[in-house]
Amino acid sequence: MARLLSLFLMLGAPFRLGAEAPAFDEYQVKAAFLYNFAKFVEWPPGTFANATDPIGICIVGQNPFGPALENMVQGKKVGDRTFAVRRFPDTLQASQCQILFIGASEWKRTGALLDAVKSAGVLTVGEFEDFTLLGGIINFRLDGTRVRIQVNLQTAAHARLRISSKLLSLAEIVKKQP
């Protein structure tokens, strides 16, 4: 229950777009989500070579997080798994990823990027309109000063990922499949 409360607080955590020093900025909140997704997603058997393989969070293209993502996961574990943050110019190394973040800078290549990993058991996460309708699994959406999430359950099922009902209760469910 404490984990759910923690995730809920992150979901509702506002950020500011002004010159004031914010408690959380947009990418700190998104980094916290990426970390927490690992707690609420089950990957298919065979995803990890052994029980202590790290959870790979990969960023394709430009890194909008700066050091926020590495700082968020540094020293943290989910079960016996640590985290490894990796950056790739494309998805050729996607087998090293459990969570793949496709930023807004890559929107033109989204279709090809998603096609490359659609059956690989990778949780794809984006941050632009229609990401889930294009075949992404989770999308970050700004609602005023809050970061919200959208989830495409059909795409998650196709990737053989199980998303906890606790996480789904906080999400907008997108039902359309391209």
Protein backbone atom coordinates (compact mmCIF):
# COMPACT_ATOMS: atom_id res chain seq x y z
CA MET A 1 0.00 0.00 0.00
CA ALA A 2 2.90 2.35 0.75
CA ARG A 3 4.17 1.84 -2.80
CA LEU A 4 0.79 2.72 -4.25
CA LEU A 5 0.63 5.84 -2.11
CA SER A 6 4.13 6.79 -3.24
CA LEU A 7 3.18 6.33 -6.88
CA PHE A 8 -0.08 8.22 -6.38
CA LEU A 9 1.79 11.15 -4.84
CA MET A 10 4.15 11.20 -7.82
CA LEU A 11 1.20 11.08 -10.20
CA GLY A 12 -0.31 14.15 -8.64
CA ALA A 13 2.98 15.97 -8.03
CA PRO A 14 2.80 19.29 -9.83
CA PHE A 15 5.75 20.97 -11.49
CA ARG A 16 6.18 24.59 -12.45
CA LEU A 17 7.19 26.06 -15.77
CA GLY A 18 8.41 29.38 -14.40
CA ALA A 19 11.66 30.81 -13.09
CA GLU A 20 10.90 29.70 -9.52
CA ALA A 21 12.75 26.70 -8.14
CA PRO A 22 10.20 23.87 -8.42
CA ALA A 23 9.84 21.03 -5.93
CA PHE A 24 9.75 18.69 -8.95
CA ASP A 25 10.39 19.52 -12.54
CA GLU A 26 8.70 17.65 -15.38
CA TYR A 27 11.58 15.26 -16.03
CA GLN A 28 12.17 14.53 -12.35
CA VAL A 29 8.53 13.44 -12.16
CA LYS A 30 8.85 11.36 -15.34
CA ALA A 31 12.07 9.77 -14.00
CA ALA A 32 10.20 8.83 -10.81
CA PHE A 33 7.47 7.24 -12.91
CA LEU A 34 9.99 5.19 -14.91
CA TYR A 35 11.50 3.91 -11.67
CA ASN A 36 8.08 3.10 -10.22
CA PHE A 37 6.87 1.35 -13.38
CA ALA A 38 9.41 -1.38 -12.63
CA LYS A 39 7.54 -2.12 -9.39
CA PHE A 40 4.18 -2.51 -11.09
CA VAL A 41 5.02 -4.41 -14.30
CA GLU A 42 5.72 -8.13 -14.73
CA TRP A 43 7.88 -9.10 -17.70
CA PRO A 44 7.46 -12.41 -19.53
CA PRO A 45 9.57 -15.44 -18.56
CA GLY A 46 13.02 -15.37 -20.12
CA THR A 47 13.26 -11.58 -20.12
CA PHE A 48 16.14 -11.72 -17.64
CA ALA A 49 19.00 -14.23 -17.80
CA ASN A 50 18.99 -14.62 -14.02
CA ALA A 51 17.34 -13.32 -10.84
CA THR A 52 19.82 -10.48 -10.35
CA ASP A 53 20.09 -9.07 -13.88
CA PRO A 54 19.49 -5.31 -13.76
CA ILE A 55 16.35 -3.68 -15.05
CA GLY A 56 17.44 -1.80 -18.16
CA ILE A 57 15.88 1.62 -18.65
CA CYS A 58 16.87 2.78 -22.11
CA ILE A 59 16.52 6.15 -23.74
CA VAL A 60 16.37 6.35 -27.53
CA GLY A 61 17.73 9.54 -29.05
CA GLN A 62 18.06 12.77 -27.13
CA ASN A 63 18.14 12.49 -23.31
CA PRO A 64 15.65 15.01 -21.84
CA PHE A 65 16.29 13.80 -18.26
CA GLY A 66 19.81 15.12 -17.77
CA PRO A 67 21.10 13.41 -14.61
CA ALA A 68 17.59 13.07 -13.08
CA LEU A 69 16.97 9.48 -14.20
CA GLU A 70 20.37 8.16 -13.09
CA ASN A 71 19.97 9.99 -9.77
CA MET A 72 16.46 8.57 -9.31
CA VAL A 73 17.51 4.91 -9.69
CA GLN A 74 21.01 5.06 -8.22
CA GLY A 75 21.32 2.51 -5.42
CA LYS A 76 17.68 1.43 -5.72
CA LYS A 77 16.43 -2.09 -6.25
CA VAL A 78 13.22 -3.85 -7.17
CA GLY A 79 13.54 -7.24 -5.54
CA ASP A 80 17.13 -8.29 -6.18
CA ARG A 81 17.44 -6.21 -9.33
CA THR A 82 19.33 -2.93 -9.59
CA PHE A 83 18.86 -0.53 -12.50
CA ALA A 84 21.01 0.22 -15.53
CA VAL A 85 20.27 3.38 -17.51
CA ARG A 86 21.42 3.18 -21.12
CA ARG A 87 21.24 5.54 -24.10
CA PHE A 88 20.91 4.32 -27.69
CA PRO A 89 20.67 6.10 -31.02
CA ASP A 90 18.16 3.43 -32.16
CA THR A 91 16.53 0.23 -30.89
CA LEU A 92 19.07 -2.29 -32.22
CA GLN A 93 20.14 -3.04 -28.63
CA ALA A 94 16.57 -3.19 -27.31
CA SER A 95 17.14 -6.67 -25.94
CA GLN A 96 19.09 -4.96 -23.15
CA CYS A 97 16.01 -2.93 -22.20
CA GLN A 98 13.00 -3.70 -20.08
CA ILE A 99 11.76 -0.10 -20.20
CA LEU A 100 12.30 1.91 -23.39
CA PHE A 101 11.71 5.66 -23.28
CA ILE A 102 11.06 7.30 -26.64
CA GLY A 103 11.18 11.04 -26.17
CA ALA A 104 9.38 13.74 -28.09
CA SER A 105 12.52 14.35 -30.17
CA GLU A 106 11.98 10.94 -31.80
CA TRP A 107 8.30 11.33 -32.73
CA LYS A 108 9.02 11.05 -36.48
CA ARG A 109 10.67 7.63 -35.98
CA THR A 110 8.13 6.29 -33.50
CA GLY A 111 6.51 3.78 -35.84
CA ALA A 112 9.82 2.18 -36.80
CA LEU A 113 11.08 2.23 -33.20
CA LEU A 114 7.93 0.56 -31.88
CA ASP A 115 7.92 -2.03 -34.67
CA ALA A 116 11.48 -3.01 -33.73
CA VAL A 117 10.48 -3.95 -30.16
CA LYS A 118 6.78 -4.83 -30.33
CA SER A 119 7.23 -8.53 -29.57
CA ALA A 120 10.33 -8.25 -27.37
CA GLY A 121 8.62 -7.86 -23.98
CA VAL A 122 9.73 -4.23 -23.68
CA LEU A 123 7.66 -1.63 -21.84
CA THR A 124 7.59 1.30 -24.27
CA VAL A 125 7.05 4.75 -22.79
CA GLY A 126 6.57 8.00 -24.71
CA GLU A 127 5.65 11.59 -24.13
CA PHE A 128 3.67 12.91 -27.05
CA GLU A 129 0.11 12.87 -28.32
CA ASP A 130 -1.03 9.62 -29.90
CA PHE A 131 1.98 7.60 -28.66
CA THR A 132 -0.28 4.87 -27.31
CA LEU A 133 -2.45 4.96 -30.42
CA LEU A 134 0.67 4.39 -32.53
CA GLY A 135 1.47 1.23 -30.55
CA GLY A 136 3.29 2.52 -27.46
CA ILE A 137 2.30 1.06 -24.11
CA ILE A 138 2.50 4.02 -21.70
CA ASN A 139 2.36 7.70 -22.54
CA PHE A 140 3.10 10.70 -20.32
CA ARG A 141 0.53 13.44 -20.79
CA LEU A 142 0.64 16.90 -19.24
CA ASP A 143 -2.56 18.05 -17.58
CA GLY A 144 -1.89 21.61 -16.58
CA THR A 145 1.05 21.28 -14.20
CA ARG A 146 0.60 17.55 -13.59
CA VAL A 147 2.06 14.55 -15.34
CA ARG A 148 -0.58 11.91 -16.09
CA ILE A 149 -0.24 8.51 -17.70
CA GLN A 150 -2.13 6.75 -20.45
CA VAL A 151 -1.88 2.97 -20.92
CA ASN A 152 -2.69 0.87 -23.97
CA LEU A 153 -3.60 -2.54 -22.52
CA GLN A 154 -3.86 -4.24 -25.91
CA THR A 155 -0.28 -3.32 -26.76
CA ALA A 156 0.91 -4.39 -23.29
CA ALA A 157 -0.79 -7.77 -23.73
CA HIS A 158 0.79 -8.18 -27.17
CA ALA A 159 4.22 -7.53 -25.58
CA ARG A 160 3.32 -10.14 -22.90
CA LEU A 161 3.57 -7.58 -20.09
CA ARG A 162 1.31 -7.64 -17.04
CA ILE A 163 0.60 -4.24 -15.54
CA SER A 164 -0.62 -4.15 -11.95
CA SER A 165 -4.19 -3.09 -11.33
CA LYS A 166 -2.77 -0.62 -8.79
CA LEU A 167 -0.96 1.24 -11.57
CA LEU A 168 -3.89 0.90 -13.94
CA SER A 169 -6.20 2.49 -11.39
CA LEU A 170 -4.17 5.69 -11.75
CA ALA A 171 -4.07 5.66 -15.54
CA GLU A 172 -6.28 6.65 -18.43
CA ILE A 173 -6.83 3.45 -20.41
CA VAL A 174 -6.47 3.81 -24.18
CA LYS A 175 -8.40 1.11 -26.00
CA LYS A 176 -7.66 1.82 -29.63
CA GLN A 177 -5.12 -0.31 -31.46
CA PRO A 178 -3.62 0.86 -34.76
